[in-house]
Amino acid sequence: MKHRKYLWRLPSGRVEKNETPLQAAKRELQEEAGLRAKKLKLFHIRGSGQTLDWKLYSYIATDLFPASKKGDEDEDIKIVPTSIKKAFKMVVNGEIKKENMAYLIMKLYFSQTS
């Protein structure tokens, strides 16, 4: 039997019908992390590629507080609060492998240190 290995991920998901990207970000934060934010700020928009016609929106959530975790109960998610400094080191060391997530961490890290 293989050992299950967790992947480092940020809360994410798709925008549902009749939902704005901001509403989707709020919903996914609550579903996947059991958190709500007093403030969400658009941080980055990326096109998905030449053949797909959608955009990926990334938000910075601040002033977090616990909320009921509902909607993704079937997902095996472990919440690990991590500072941006530590996350940046994890990108550099190759512990975070997902390129889009690594890019967002690096962008946030450098925006805070410059």
PDB file of N, CA and C in Angstrom:
ATOM      1  N   MET A   1       0.840  -1.186   0.000  1.00  0.00           N
ATOM      2  CA  MET A   1       0.000   0.000   0.000  1.00  0.00           C
ATOM      3  C   MET A   1       0.882   1.245   0.000  1.00  0.00           C
ATOM      4  N   LYS A   2       0.561   2.175  -0.889  1.00  0.00           N
ATOM      5  CA  LYS A   2       1.319   3.413  -0.971  1.00  0.00           C
ATOM      6  C   LYS A   2       0.938   4.337   0.171  1.00  0.00           C
ATOM      7  N   HIS A   3       1.925   5.139   0.592  1.00  0.00           N
ATOM      8  CA  HIS A   3       1.633   6.175   1.578  1.00  0.00           C
ATOM      9  C   HIS A   3       0.994   7.345   0.847  1.00  0.00           C
ATOM     10  N   ARG A   4      -0.080   7.845   1.400  1.00  0.00           N
ATOM     11  CA  ARG A   4      -0.697   9.030   0.804  1.00  0.00           C
ATOM     12  C   ARG A   4       0.179  10.235   1.102  1.00  0.00           C
ATOM     13  N   LYS A   5       0.400  11.038   0.116  1.00  0.00           N
ATOM     14  CA  LYS A   5       1.226  12.217   0.284  1.00  0.00           C
ATOM     15  C   LYS A   5       0.363  13.460   0.050  1.00  0.00           C
ATOM     16  N   TYR A   6       0.403  14.369   0.995  1.00  0.00           N
ATOM     17  CA  TYR A   6      -0.329  15.609   0.840  1.00  0.00           C
ATOM     18  C   TYR A   6       0.424  16.536  -0.095  1.00  0.00           C
ATOM     19  N   LEU A   7      -0.326  17.324  -0.842  1.00  0.00           N
ATOM     20  CA  LEU A   7       0.241  18.345  -1.712  1.00  0.00           C
ATOM     21  C   LEU A   7      -0.049  19.703  -1.104  1.00  0.00           C
ATOM     22  N   TRP A   8       0.904  20.603  -1.202  1.00  0.00           N
ATOM     23  CA  TRP A   8       0.684  21.959  -0.731  1.00  0.00           C
ATOM     24  C   TRP A   8      -0.166  22.669  -1.767  1.00  0.00           C
ATOM     25  N   ARG A   9      -1.310  23.190  -1.351  1.00  0.00           N
ATOM     26  CA  ARG A   9      -2.223  23.872  -2.257  1.00  0.00           C
ATOM     27  C   ARG A   9      -2.826  25.080  -1.553  1.00  0.00           C
ATOM     28  N   LEU A  10      -3.230  26.029  -2.336  1.00  0.00           N
ATOM     29  CA  LEU A  10      -4.014  27.150  -1.838  1.00  0.00           C
ATOM     30  C   LEU A  10      -5.483  26.822  -2.092  1.00  0.00           C
ATOM     31  N   PRO A  11      -6.393  27.357  -1.290  1.00  0.00           N
ATOM     32  CA  PRO A  11      -7.803  27.127  -1.587  1.00  0.00           C
ATOM     33  C   PRO A  11      -8.101  27.586  -3.022  1.00  0.00           C
ATOM     34  N   SER A  12      -8.796  26.752  -3.762  1.00  0.00           N
ATOM     35  CA  SER A  12      -9.077  27.099  -5.156  1.00  0.00           C
ATOM     36  C   SER A  12     -10.320  26.358  -5.634  1.00  0.00           C
ATOM     37  N   GLY A  13     -10.823  26.800  -6.739  1.00  0.00           N
ATOM     38  CA  GLY A  13     -11.990  26.159  -7.329  1.00  0.00           C
ATOM     39  C   GLY A  13     -12.515  26.993  -8.473  1.00  0.00           C
ATOM     40  N   ARG A  14     -13.621  26.550  -9.017  1.00  0.00           N
ATOM     41  CA  ARG A  14     -14.160  27.251 -10.174  1.00  0.00           C
ATOM     42  C   ARG A  14     -15.289  28.197  -9.765  1.00  0.00           C
ATOM     43  N   VAL A  15     -15.538  29.140 -10.651  1.00  0.00           N
ATOM     44  CA  VAL A  15     -16.637  30.074 -10.471  1.00  0.00           C
ATOM     45  C   VAL A  15     -17.899  29.374 -10.965  1.00  0.00           C
ATOM     46  N   GLU A  16     -18.874  29.252 -10.093  1.00  0.00           N
ATOM     47  CA  GLU A  16     -20.132  28.603 -10.453  1.00  0.00           C
ATOM     48  C   GLU A  16     -21.010  29.569 -11.254  1.00  0.00           C
ATOM     49  N   LYS A  17     -22.024  29.017 -11.920  1.00  0.00           N
ATOM     50  CA  LYS A  17     -22.958  29.825 -12.690  1.00  0.00           C
ATOM     51  C   LYS A  17     -23.599  30.874 -11.768  1.00  0.00           C
ATOM     52  N   ASN A  18     -23.730  32.081 -12.262  1.00  0.00           N
ATOM     53  CA  ASN A  18     -24.325  33.212 -11.525  1.00  0.00           C
ATOM     54  C   ASN A  18     -23.502  33.606 -10.296  1.00  0.00           C
ATOM     55  N   GLU A  19     -22.199  33.375 -10.339  1.00  0.00           N
ATOM     56  CA  GLU A  19     -21.306  33.712  -9.226  1.00  0.00           C
ATOM     57  C   GLU A  19     -20.167  34.560  -9.784  1.00  0.00           C
ATOM     58  N   THR A  20     -19.742  35.562  -9.034  1.00  0.00           N
ATOM     59  CA  THR A  20     -18.591  36.366  -9.442  1.00  0.00           C
ATOM     60  C   THR A  20     -17.310  35.677  -8.958  1.00  0.00           C
ATOM     61  N   PRO A  21     -16.161  36.040  -9.527  1.00  0.00           N
ATOM     62  CA  PRO A  21     -14.903  35.481  -9.020  1.00  0.00           C
ATOM     63  C   PRO A  21     -14.701  35.754  -7.521  1.00  0.00           C
ATOM     64  N   LEU A  22     -15.090  36.940  -7.048  1.00  0.00           N
ATOM     65  CA  LEU A  22     -14.959  37.264  -5.627  1.00  0.00           C
ATOM     66  C   LEU A  22     -15.852  36.356  -4.775  1.00  0.00           C
ATOM     67  N   GLN A  23     -17.081  36.132  -5.195  1.00  0.00           N
ATOM     68  CA  GLN A  23     -17.978  35.242  -4.457  1.00  0.00           C
ATOM     69  C   GLN A  23     -17.417  33.817  -4.425  1.00  0.00           C
ATOM     70  N   ALA A  24     -16.844  33.386  -5.548  1.00  0.00           N
ATOM     71  CA  ALA A  24     -16.243  32.045  -5.604  1.00  0.00           C
ATOM     72  C   ALA A  24     -15.063  31.944  -4.653  1.00  0.00           C
ATOM     73  N   ALA A  25     -14.238  32.989  -4.587  1.00  0.00           N
ATOM     74  CA  ALA A  25     -13.088  32.983  -3.678  1.00  0.00           C
ATOM     75  C   ALA A  25     -13.541  32.872  -2.233  1.00  0.00           C
ATOM     76  N   LYS A  26     -14.568  33.616  -1.877  1.00  0.00           N
ATOM     77  CA  LYS A  26     -15.109  33.547  -0.510  1.00  0.00           C
ATOM     78  C   LYS A  26     -15.640  32.146  -0.210  1.00  0.00           C
ATOM     79  N   ARG A  27     -16.384  31.581  -1.151  1.00  0.00           N
ATOM     80  CA  ARG A  27     -16.962  30.249  -0.955  1.00  0.00           C
ATOM     81  C   ARG A  27     -15.878  29.186  -0.817  1.00  0.00           C
ATOM     82  N   GLU A  28     -14.887  29.219  -1.689  1.00  0.00           N
ATOM     83  CA  GLU A  28     -13.817  28.221  -1.650  1.00  0.00           C
ATOM     84  C   GLU A  28     -12.991  28.331  -0.369  1.00  0.00           C
ATOM     85  N   LEU A  29     -12.741  29.541   0.101  1.00  0.00           N
ATOM     86  CA  LEU A  29     -12.008  29.731   1.354  1.00  0.00           C
ATOM     87  C   LEU A  29     -12.762  29.074   2.508  1.00  0.00           C
ATOM     88  N   GLN A  30     -14.066  29.243   2.516  1.00  0.00           N
ATOM     89  CA  GLN A  30     -14.860  28.633   3.583  1.00  0.00           C
ATOM     90  C   GLN A  30     -14.947  27.120   3.412  1.00  0.00           C
ATOM     91  N   GLU A  31     -15.181  26.635   2.184  1.00  0.00           N
ATOM     92  CA  GLU A  31     -15.322  25.197   1.958  1.00  0.00           C
ATOM     93  C   GLU A  31     -14.038  24.430   2.249  1.00  0.00           C
ATOM     94  N   GLU A  32     -12.919  24.975   1.805  1.00  0.00           N
ATOM     95  CA  GLU A  32     -11.663  24.228   1.889  1.00  0.00           C
ATOM     96  C   GLU A  32     -10.856  24.508   3.142  1.00  0.00           C
ATOM     97  N   ALA A  33     -10.985  25.708   3.700  1.00  0.00           N
ATOM     98  CA  ALA A  33     -10.171  26.048   4.867  1.00  0.00           C
ATOM     99  C   ALA A  33     -11.002  26.290   6.125  1.00  0.00           C
ATOM    100  N   GLY A  34     -12.311  26.377   5.989  1.00  0.00           N
ATOM    101  CA  GLY A  34     -13.144  26.662   7.151  1.00  0.00           C
ATOM    102  C   GLY A  34     -12.896  28.053   7.696  1.00  0.00           C
ATOM    103  N   LEU A  35     -12.615  28.987   6.776  1.00  0.00           N
ATOM    104  CA  LEU A  35     -12.301  30.360   7.166  1.00  0.00           C
ATOM    105  C   LEU A  35     -13.121  31.349   6.354  1.00  0.00           C
ATOM    106  N   ARG A  36     -13.302  32.520   6.920  1.00  0.00           N
ATOM    107  CA  ARG A  36     -13.853  33.666   6.204  1.00  0.00           C
ATOM    108  C   ARG A  36     -12.861  34.796   6.392  1.00  0.00           C
ATOM    109  N   ALA A  37     -12.950  35.789   5.539  1.00  0.00           N
ATOM    110  CA  ALA A  37     -12.035  36.926   5.601  1.00  0.00           C
ATOM    111  C   ALA A  37     -12.823  38.221   5.667  1.00  0.00           C
ATOM    112  N   LYS A  38     -12.353  39.136   6.482  1.00  0.00           N
ATOM    113  CA  LYS A  38     -12.988  40.448   6.518  1.00  0.00           C
ATOM    114  C   LYS A  38     -12.676  41.215   5.243  1.00  0.00           C
ATOM    115  N   LYS A  39     -11.539  40.877   4.612  1.00  0.00           N
ATOM    116  CA  LYS A  39     -11.141  41.589   3.401  1.00  0.00           C
ATOM    117  C   LYS A  39     -10.522  40.615   2.400  1.00  0.00           C
ATOM    118  N   LEU A  40     -10.972  40.690   1.158  1.00  0.00           N
ATOM    119  CA  LEU A  40     -10.352  39.962   0.054  1.00  0.00           C
ATOM    120  C   LEU A  40      -9.980  40.975  -1.017  1.00  0.00           C
ATOM    121  N   LYS A  41      -8.737  40.924  -1.458  1.00  0.00           N
ATOM    122  CA  LYS A  41      -8.248  41.870  -2.459  1.00  0.00           C
ATOM    123  C   LYS A  41      -7.744  41.092  -3.660  1.00  0.00           C
ATOM    124  N   LEU A  42      -8.184  41.505  -4.848  1.00  0.00           N
ATOM    125  CA  LEU A  42      -7.705  40.862  -6.071  1.00  0.00           C
ATOM    126  C   LEU A  42      -6.200  41.062  -6.170  1.00  0.00           C
ATOM    127  N   PHE A  43      -5.476  39.972  -6.367  1.00  0.00           N
ATOM    128  CA  PHE A  43      -4.013  40.005  -6.369  1.00  0.00           C
ATOM    129  C   PHE A  43      -3.438  39.733  -7.754  1.00  0.00           C
ATOM    130  N   HIS A  44      -4.074  38.831  -8.510  1.00  0.00           N
ATOM    131  CA  HIS A  44      -3.497  38.426  -9.784  1.00  0.00           C
ATOM    132  C   HIS A  44      -4.581  37.821 -10.665  1.00  0.00           C
ATOM    133  N   ILE A  45      -4.531  38.132 -11.956  1.00  0.00           N
ATOM    134  CA  ILE A  45      -5.407  37.496 -12.942  1.00  0.00           C
ATOM    135  C   ILE A  45      -4.511  36.902 -14.014  1.00  0.00           C
ATOM    136  N   ARG A  46      -4.786  35.647 -14.339  1.00  0.00           N
ATOM    137  CA  ARG A  46      -3.990  34.968 -15.365  1.00  0.00           C
ATOM    138  C   ARG A  46      -4.931  34.309 -16.359  1.00  0.00           C
ATOM    139  N   GLY A  47      -4.649  34.487 -17.652  1.00  0.00           N
ATOM    140  CA  GLY A  47      -5.385  33.766 -18.679  1.00  0.00           C
ATOM    141  C   GLY A  47      -4.980  32.307 -18.630  1.00  0.00           C
ATOM    142  N   SER A  48      -5.872  31.437 -19.032  1.00  0.00           N
ATOM    143  CA  SER A  48      -5.603  30.003 -18.899  1.00  0.00           C
ATOM    144  C   SER A  48      -4.795  29.427 -20.050  1.00  0.00           C
ATOM    145  N   GLY A  49      -4.687  30.115 -21.134  1.00  0.00           N
ATOM    146  CA  GLY A  49      -3.904  29.600 -22.257  1.00  0.00           C
ATOM    147  C   GLY A  49      -4.520  29.988 -23.581  1.00  0.00           C
ATOM    148  N   GLN A  50      -3.930  29.485 -24.649  1.00  0.00           N
ATOM    149  CA  GLN A  50      -4.387  29.861 -25.986  1.00  0.00           C
ATOM    150  C   GLN A  50      -5.654  29.134 -26.411  1.00  0.00           C
ATOM    151  N   THR A  51      -5.871  27.931 -25.925  1.00  0.00           N
ATOM    152  CA  THR A  51      -7.017  27.146 -26.388  1.00  0.00           C
ATOM    153  C   THR A  51      -8.205  27.185 -25.435  1.00  0.00           C
ATOM    154  N   LEU A  52      -8.010  27.660 -24.235  1.00  0.00           N
ATOM    155  CA  LEU A  52      -9.096  27.729 -23.260  1.00  0.00           C
ATOM    156  C   LEU A  52      -9.475  29.184 -23.038  1.00  0.00           C
ATOM    157  N   ASP A  53     -10.752  29.421 -22.830  1.00  0.00           N
ATOM    158  CA  ASP A  53     -11.229  30.787 -22.692  1.00  0.00           C
ATOM    159  C   ASP A  53     -11.757  31.043 -21.278  1.00  0.00           C
ATOM    160  N   TRP A  54     -10.855  31.045 -20.308  1.00  0.00           N
ATOM    161  CA  TRP A  54     -11.239  31.440 -18.963  1.00  0.00           C
ATOM    162  C   TRP A  54     -10.041  32.053 -18.270  1.00  0.00           C
ATOM    163  N   LYS A  55     -10.309  32.707 -17.166  1.00  0.00           N
ATOM    164  CA  LYS A  55      -9.253  33.375 -16.410  1.00  0.00           C
ATOM    165  C   LYS A  55      -9.167  32.770 -15.021  1.00  0.00           C
ATOM    166  N   LEU A  56      -7.980  32.838 -14.442  1.00  0.00           N
ATOM    167  CA  LEU A  56      -7.738  32.390 -13.079  1.00  0.00           C
ATOM    168  C   LEU A  56      -7.535  33.637 -12.219  1.00  0.00           C
ATOM    169  N   TYR A  57      -8.358  33.775 -11.195  1.00  0.00           N
ATOM    170  CA  TYR A  57      -8.313  34.939 -10.308  1.00  0.00           C
ATOM    171  C   TYR A  57      -7.710  34.515  -8.974  1.00  0.00           C
ATOM    172  N   SER A  58      -6.783  35.308  -8.466  1.00  0.00           N
ATOM    173  CA  SER A  58      -6.173  35.033  -7.165  1.00  0.00           C
ATOM    174  C   SER A  58      -6.414  36.231  -6.257  1.00  0.00           C
ATOM    175  N   TYR A  59      -6.827  35.928  -5.041  1.00  0.00           N
ATOM    176  CA  TYR A  59      -7.138  36.958  -4.049  1.00  0.00           C
ATOM    177  C   TYR A  59      -6.264  36.779  -2.823  1.00  0.00           C
ATOM    178  N   ILE A  60      -6.004  37.889  -2.146  1.00  0.00           N
ATOM    179  CA  ILE A  60      -5.341  37.874  -0.847  1.00  0.00           C
ATOM    180  C   ILE A  60      -6.433  38.064   0.197  1.00  0.00           C
ATOM    181  N   ALA A  61      -6.538  37.109   1.102  1.00  0.00           N
ATOM    182  CA  ALA A  61      -7.539  37.169   2.170  1.00  0.00           C
ATOM    183  C   ALA A  61      -6.835  37.597   3.461  1.00  0.00           C
ATOM    184  N   THR A  62      -7.385  38.616   4.120  1.00  0.00           N
ATOM    185  CA  THR A  62      -6.797  39.091   5.375  1.00  0.00           C
ATOM    186  C   THR A  62      -7.875  39.175   6.448  1.00  0.00           C
ATOM    187  N   ASP A  63      -7.415  39.319   7.677  1.00  0.00           N
ATOM    188  CA  ASP A  63      -8.310  39.352   8.839  1.00  0.00           C
ATOM    189  C   ASP A  63      -9.222  38.127   8.831  1.00  0.00           C
ATOM    190  N   LEU A  64      -8.589  36.961   8.845  1.00  0.00           N
ATOM    191  CA  LEU A  64      -9.314  35.690   8.781  1.00  0.00           C
ATOM    192  C   LEU A  64      -9.957  35.347  10.109  1.00  0.00           C
ATOM    193  N   PHE A  65     -11.076  34.649  10.037  1.00  0.00           N
ATOM    194  CA  PHE A  65     -11.735  34.135  11.234  1.00  0.00           C
ATOM    195  C   PHE A  65     -12.419  32.818  10.900  1.00  0.00           C
ATOM    196  N   PRO A  66     -12.569  31.945  11.901  1.00  0.00           N
ATOM    197  CA  PRO A  66     -13.153  30.616  11.649  1.00  0.00           C
ATOM    198  C   PRO A  66     -14.605  30.710  11.178  1.00  0.00           C
ATOM    199  N   ALA A  67     -14.957  29.782  10.305  1.00  0.00           N
ATOM    200  CA  ALA A  67     -16.331  29.658   9.819  1.00  0.00           C
ATOM    201  C   ALA A  67     -16.610  28.177   9.648  1.00  0.00           C
ATOM    202  N   SER A  68     -17.869  27.824   9.622  1.00  0.00           N
ATOM    203  CA  SER A  68     -18.191  26.409   9.442  1.00  0.00           C
ATOM    204  C   SER A  68     -17.661  25.937   8.092  1.00  0.00           C
ATOM    205  N   LYS A  69     -17.026  24.794   8.107  1.00  0.00           N
ATOM    206  CA  LYS A  69     -16.454  24.222   6.886  1.00  0.00           C
ATOM    207  C   LYS A  69     -17.535  23.350   6.265  1.00  0.00           C
ATOM    208  N   LYS A  70     -18.114  23.835   5.176  1.00  0.00           N
ATOM    209  CA  LYS A  70     -19.190  23.072   4.557  1.00  0.00           C
ATOM    210  C   LYS A  70     -19.022  23.060   3.043  1.00  0.00           C
ATOM    211  N   GLY A  71     -19.389  21.969   2.447  1.00  0.00           N
ATOM    212  CA  GLY A  71     -19.356  21.886   0.998  1.00  0.00           C
ATOM    213  C   GLY A  71     -18.317  20.940   0.433  1.00  0.00           C
ATOM    214  N   ASP A  72     -17.185  20.779   1.101  1.00  0.00           N
ATOM    215  CA  ASP A  72     -16.125  19.895   0.613  1.00  0.00           C
ATOM    216  C   ASP A  72     -15.767  18.852   1.661  1.00  0.00           C
ATOM    217  N   GLU A  73     -16.752  18.356   2.376  1.00  0.00           N
ATOM    218  CA  GLU A  73     -16.490  17.406   3.455  1.00  0.00           C
ATOM    219  C   GLU A  73     -15.810  16.129   2.958  1.00  0.00           C
ATOM    220  N   ASP A  74     -16.018  15.784   1.684  1.00  0.00           N
ATOM    221  CA  ASP A  74     -15.438  14.553   1.158  1.00  0.00           C
ATOM    222  C   ASP A  74     -13.957  14.696   0.811  1.00  0.00           C
ATOM    223  N   GLU A  75     -13.439  15.916   0.791  1.00  0.00           N
ATOM    224  CA  GLU A  75     -12.025  16.120   0.489  1.00  0.00           C
ATOM    225  C   GLU A  75     -11.201  15.979   1.766  1.00  0.00           C
ATOM    226  N   ASP A  76     -10.068  15.296   1.660  1.00  0.00           N
ATOM    227  CA  ASP A  76      -9.165  15.110   2.794  1.00  0.00           C
ATOM    228  C   ASP A  76      -8.186  16.284   2.811  1.00  0.00           C
ATOM    229  N   ILE A  77      -8.564  17.334   3.523  1.00  0.00           N
ATOM    230  CA  ILE A  77      -7.778  18.565   3.549  1.00  0.00           C
ATOM    231  C   ILE A  77      -7.244  18.791   4.954  1.00  0.00           C
ATOM    232  N   LYS A  78      -5.950  19.068   5.029  1.00  0.00           N
ATOM    233  CA  LYS A  78      -5.317  19.416   6.298  1.00  0.00           C
ATOM    234  C   LYS A  78      -4.848  20.865   6.182  1.00  0.00           C
ATOM    235  N   ILE A  79      -5.303  21.707   7.088  1.00  0.00           N
ATOM    236  CA  ILE A  79      -4.948  23.123   7.068  1.00  0.00           C
ATOM    237  C   ILE A  79      -3.637  23.308   7.816  1.00  0.00           C
ATOM    238  N   VAL A  80      -2.671  23.942   7.155  1.00  0.00           N
ATOM    239  CA  VAL A  80      -1.365  24.195   7.767  1.00  0.00           C
ATOM    240  C   VAL A  80      -1.046  25.680   7.603  1.00  0.00           C
ATOM    241  N   PRO A  81      -1.338  26.496   8.625  1.00  0.00           N
ATOM    242  CA  PRO A  81      -0.994  27.918   8.516  1.00  0.00           C
ATOM    243  C   PRO A  81       0.512  28.066   8.285  1.00  0.00           C
ATOM    244  N   THR A  82       0.854  28.851   7.263  1.00  0.00           N
ATOM    245  CA  THR A  82       2.256  28.980   6.860  1.00  0.00           C
ATOM    246  C   THR A  82       2.533  30.434   6.500  1.00  0.00           C
ATOM    247  N   SER A  83       3.594  30.987   7.040  1.00  0.00           N
ATOM    248  CA  SER A  83       3.960  32.367   6.712  1.00  0.00           C
ATOM    249  C   SER A  83       4.422  32.439   5.263  1.00  0.00           C
ATOM    250  N   ILE A  84       4.339  33.631   4.683  1.00  0.00           N
ATOM    251  CA  ILE A  84       4.790  33.802   3.303  1.00  0.00           C
ATOM    252  C   ILE A  84       6.295  33.563   3.209  1.00  0.00           C
ATOM    253  N   LYS A  85       7.037  33.926   4.256  1.00  0.00           N
ATOM    254  CA  LYS A  85       8.494  33.694   4.258  1.00  0.00           C
ATOM    255  C   LYS A  85       8.796  32.196   4.201  1.00  0.00           C
ATOM    256  N   LYS A  86       8.093  31.415   5.009  1.00  0.00           N
ATOM    257  CA  LYS A  86       8.306  29.964   4.994  1.00  0.00           C
ATOM    258  C   LYS A  86       7.846  29.362   3.673  1.00  0.00           C
ATOM    259  N   ALA A  87       6.699  29.831   3.155  1.00  0.00           N
ATOM    260  CA  ALA A  87       6.204  29.314   1.877  1.00  0.00           C
ATOM    261  C   ALA A  87       7.203  29.606   0.756  1.00  0.00           C
ATOM    262  N   PHE A  88       7.821  30.796   0.787  1.00  0.00           N
ATOM    263  CA  PHE A  88       8.830  31.132  -0.214  1.00  0.00           C
ATOM    264  C   PHE A  88      10.009  30.164  -0.142  1.00  0.00           C
ATOM    265  N   LYS A  89      10.463  29.870   1.065  1.00  0.00           N
ATOM    266  CA  LYS A  89      11.563  28.906   1.230  1.00  0.00           C
ATOM    267  C   LYS A  89      11.160  27.529   0.710  1.00  0.00           C
ATOM    268  N   MET A  90       9.903  27.161   0.903  1.00  0.00           N
ATOM    269  CA  MET A  90       9.418  25.869   0.414  1.00  0.00           C
ATOM    270  C   MET A  90       9.401  25.831  -1.116  1.00  0.00           C
ATOM    271  N   VAL A  91       9.102  26.957  -1.750  1.00  0.00           N
ATOM    272  CA  VAL A  91       9.172  27.037  -3.215  1.00  0.00           C
ATOM    273  C   VAL A  91      10.608  26.848  -3.666  1.00  0.00           C
ATOM    274  N   VAL A  92      11.522  27.585  -3.048  1.00  0.00           N
ATOM    275  CA  VAL A  92      12.944  27.520  -3.416  1.00  0.00           C
ATOM    276  C   VAL A  92      13.497  26.109  -3.217  1.00  0.00           C
ATOM    277  N   ASN A  93      13.071  25.442  -2.139  1.00  0.00           N
ATOM    278  CA  ASN A  93      13.557  24.085  -1.839  1.00  0.00           C
ATOM    279  C   ASN A  93      12.844  22.991  -2.633  1.00  0.00           C
ATOM    280  N   GLY A  94      11.849  23.358  -3.433  1.00  0.00           N
ATOM    281  CA  GLY A  94      11.138  22.380  -4.238  1.00  0.00           C
ATOM    282  C   GLY A  94      10.052  21.613  -3.517  1.00  0.00           C
ATOM    283  N   GLU A  95       9.697  22.036  -2.309  1.00  0.00           N
ATOM    284  CA  GLU A  95       8.620  21.363  -1.575  1.00  0.00           C
ATOM    285  C   GLU A  95       7.253  21.720  -2.154  1.00  0.00           C
ATOM    286  N   ILE A  96       7.136  22.905  -2.711  1.00  0.00           N
ATOM    287  CA  ILE A  96       5.909  23.321  -3.399  1.00  0.00           C
ATOM    288  C   ILE A  96       6.207  23.207  -4.887  1.00  0.00           C
ATOM    289  N   LYS A  97       5.510  22.299  -5.550  1.00  0.00           N
ATOM    290  CA  LYS A  97       5.823  21.965  -6.925  1.00  0.00           C
ATOM    291  C   LYS A  97       4.861  22.556  -7.959  1.00  0.00           C
ATOM    292  N   LYS A  98       3.665  22.904  -7.552  1.00  0.00           N
ATOM    293  CA  LYS A  98       2.674  23.433  -8.493  1.00  0.00           C
ATOM    294  C   LYS A  98       3.123  24.817  -8.948  1.00  0.00           C
ATOM    295  N   GLU A  99       3.391  24.962 -10.258  1.00  0.00           N
ATOM    296  CA  GLU A  99       4.014  26.178 -10.773  1.00  0.00           C
ATOM    297  C   GLU A  99       3.197  27.438 -10.521  1.00  0.00           C
ATOM    298  N   ASN A 100       1.895  27.393 -10.753  1.00  0.00           N
ATOM    299  CA  ASN A 100       1.083  28.592 -10.559  1.00  0.00           C
ATOM    300  C   ASN A 100       1.102  29.026  -9.101  1.00  0.00           C
ATOM    301  N   MET A 101       1.016  28.065  -8.190  1.00  0.00           N
ATOM    302  CA  MET A 101       1.051  28.390  -6.769  1.00  0.00           C
ATOM    303  C   MET A 101       2.424  28.947  -6.387  1.00  0.00           C
ATOM    304  N   ALA A 102       3.483  28.351  -6.895  1.00  0.00           N
ATOM    305  CA  ALA A 102       4.833  28.825  -6.610  1.00  0.00           C
ATOM    306  C   ALA A 102       5.008  30.264  -7.106  1.00  0.00           C
ATOM    307  N   TYR A 103       4.494  30.534  -8.294  1.00  0.00           N
ATOM    308  CA  TYR A 103       4.586  31.883  -8.840  1.00  0.00           C
ATOM    309  C   TYR A 103       3.863  32.892  -7.947  1.00  0.00           C
ATOM    310  N   LEU A 104       2.656  32.549  -7.510  1.00  0.00           N
ATOM    311  CA  LEU A 104       1.890  33.464  -6.659  1.00  0.00           C
ATOM    312  C   LEU A 104       2.590  33.718  -5.329  1.00  0.00           C
ATOM    313  N   ILE A 105       3.179  32.680  -4.760  1.00  0.00           N
ATOM    314  CA  ILE A 105       3.922  32.839  -3.502  1.00  0.00           C
ATOM    315  C   ILE A 105       5.120  33.749  -3.711  1.00  0.00           C
ATOM    316  N   MET A 106       5.844  33.535  -4.808  1.00  0.00           N
ATOM    317  CA  MET A 106       7.010  34.372  -5.088  1.00  0.00           C
ATOM    318  C   MET A 106       6.595  35.824  -5.341  1.00  0.00           C
ATOM    319  N   LYS A 107       5.525  36.007  -6.087  1.00  0.00           N
ATOM    320  CA  LYS A 107       5.038  37.372  -6.369  1.00  0.00           C
ATOM    321  C   LYS A 107       4.652  38.080  -5.072  1.00  0.00           C
ATOM    322  N   LEU A 108       3.939  37.382  -4.192  1.00  0.00           N
ATOM    323  CA  LEU A 108       3.544  37.993  -2.922  1.00  0.00           C
ATOM    324  C   LEU A 108       4.770  38.265  -2.058  1.00  0.00           C
ATOM    325  N   TYR A 109       5.677  37.307  -1.976  1.00  0.00           N
ATOM    326  CA  TYR A 109       6.889  37.474  -1.164  1.00  0.00           C
ATOM    327  C   TYR A 109       7.666  38.718  -1.626  1.00  0.00           C
ATOM    328  N   PHE A 110       7.919  38.828  -2.927  1.00  0.00           N
ATOM    329  CA  PHE A 110       8.708  39.957  -3.419  1.00  0.00           C
ATOM    330  C   PHE A 110       7.945  41.273  -3.320  1.00  0.00           C
ATOM    331  N   SER A 111       6.612  41.243  -3.390  1.00  0.00           N
ATOM    332  CA  SER A 111       5.849  42.491  -3.247  1.00  0.00           C
ATOM    333  C   SER A 111       5.927  43.011  -1.802  1.00  0.00           C
ATOM    334  N   GLN A 112       6.153  42.101  -0.853  1.00  0.00           N
ATOM    335  CA  GLN A 112       6.248  42.499   0.551  1.00  0.00           C
ATOM    336  C   GLN A 112       7.664  42.883   0.959  1.00  0.00           C
ATOM    337  N   THR A 113       8.657  42.452   0.204  1.00  0.00           N
ATOM    338  CA  THR A 113      10.044  42.722   0.586  1.00  0.00           C
ATOM    339  C   THR A 113      10.666  43.872  -0.203  1.00  0.00           C
ATOM    340  N   SER A 114       9.947  44.393  -1.199  1.00  0.00           N
ATOM    341  CA  SER A 114      10.553  45.460  -2.001  1.00  0.00           C
ATOM    342  C   SER A 114      10.124  46.828  -1.523  1.00  0.00           C
TER     343      SER A 114
END
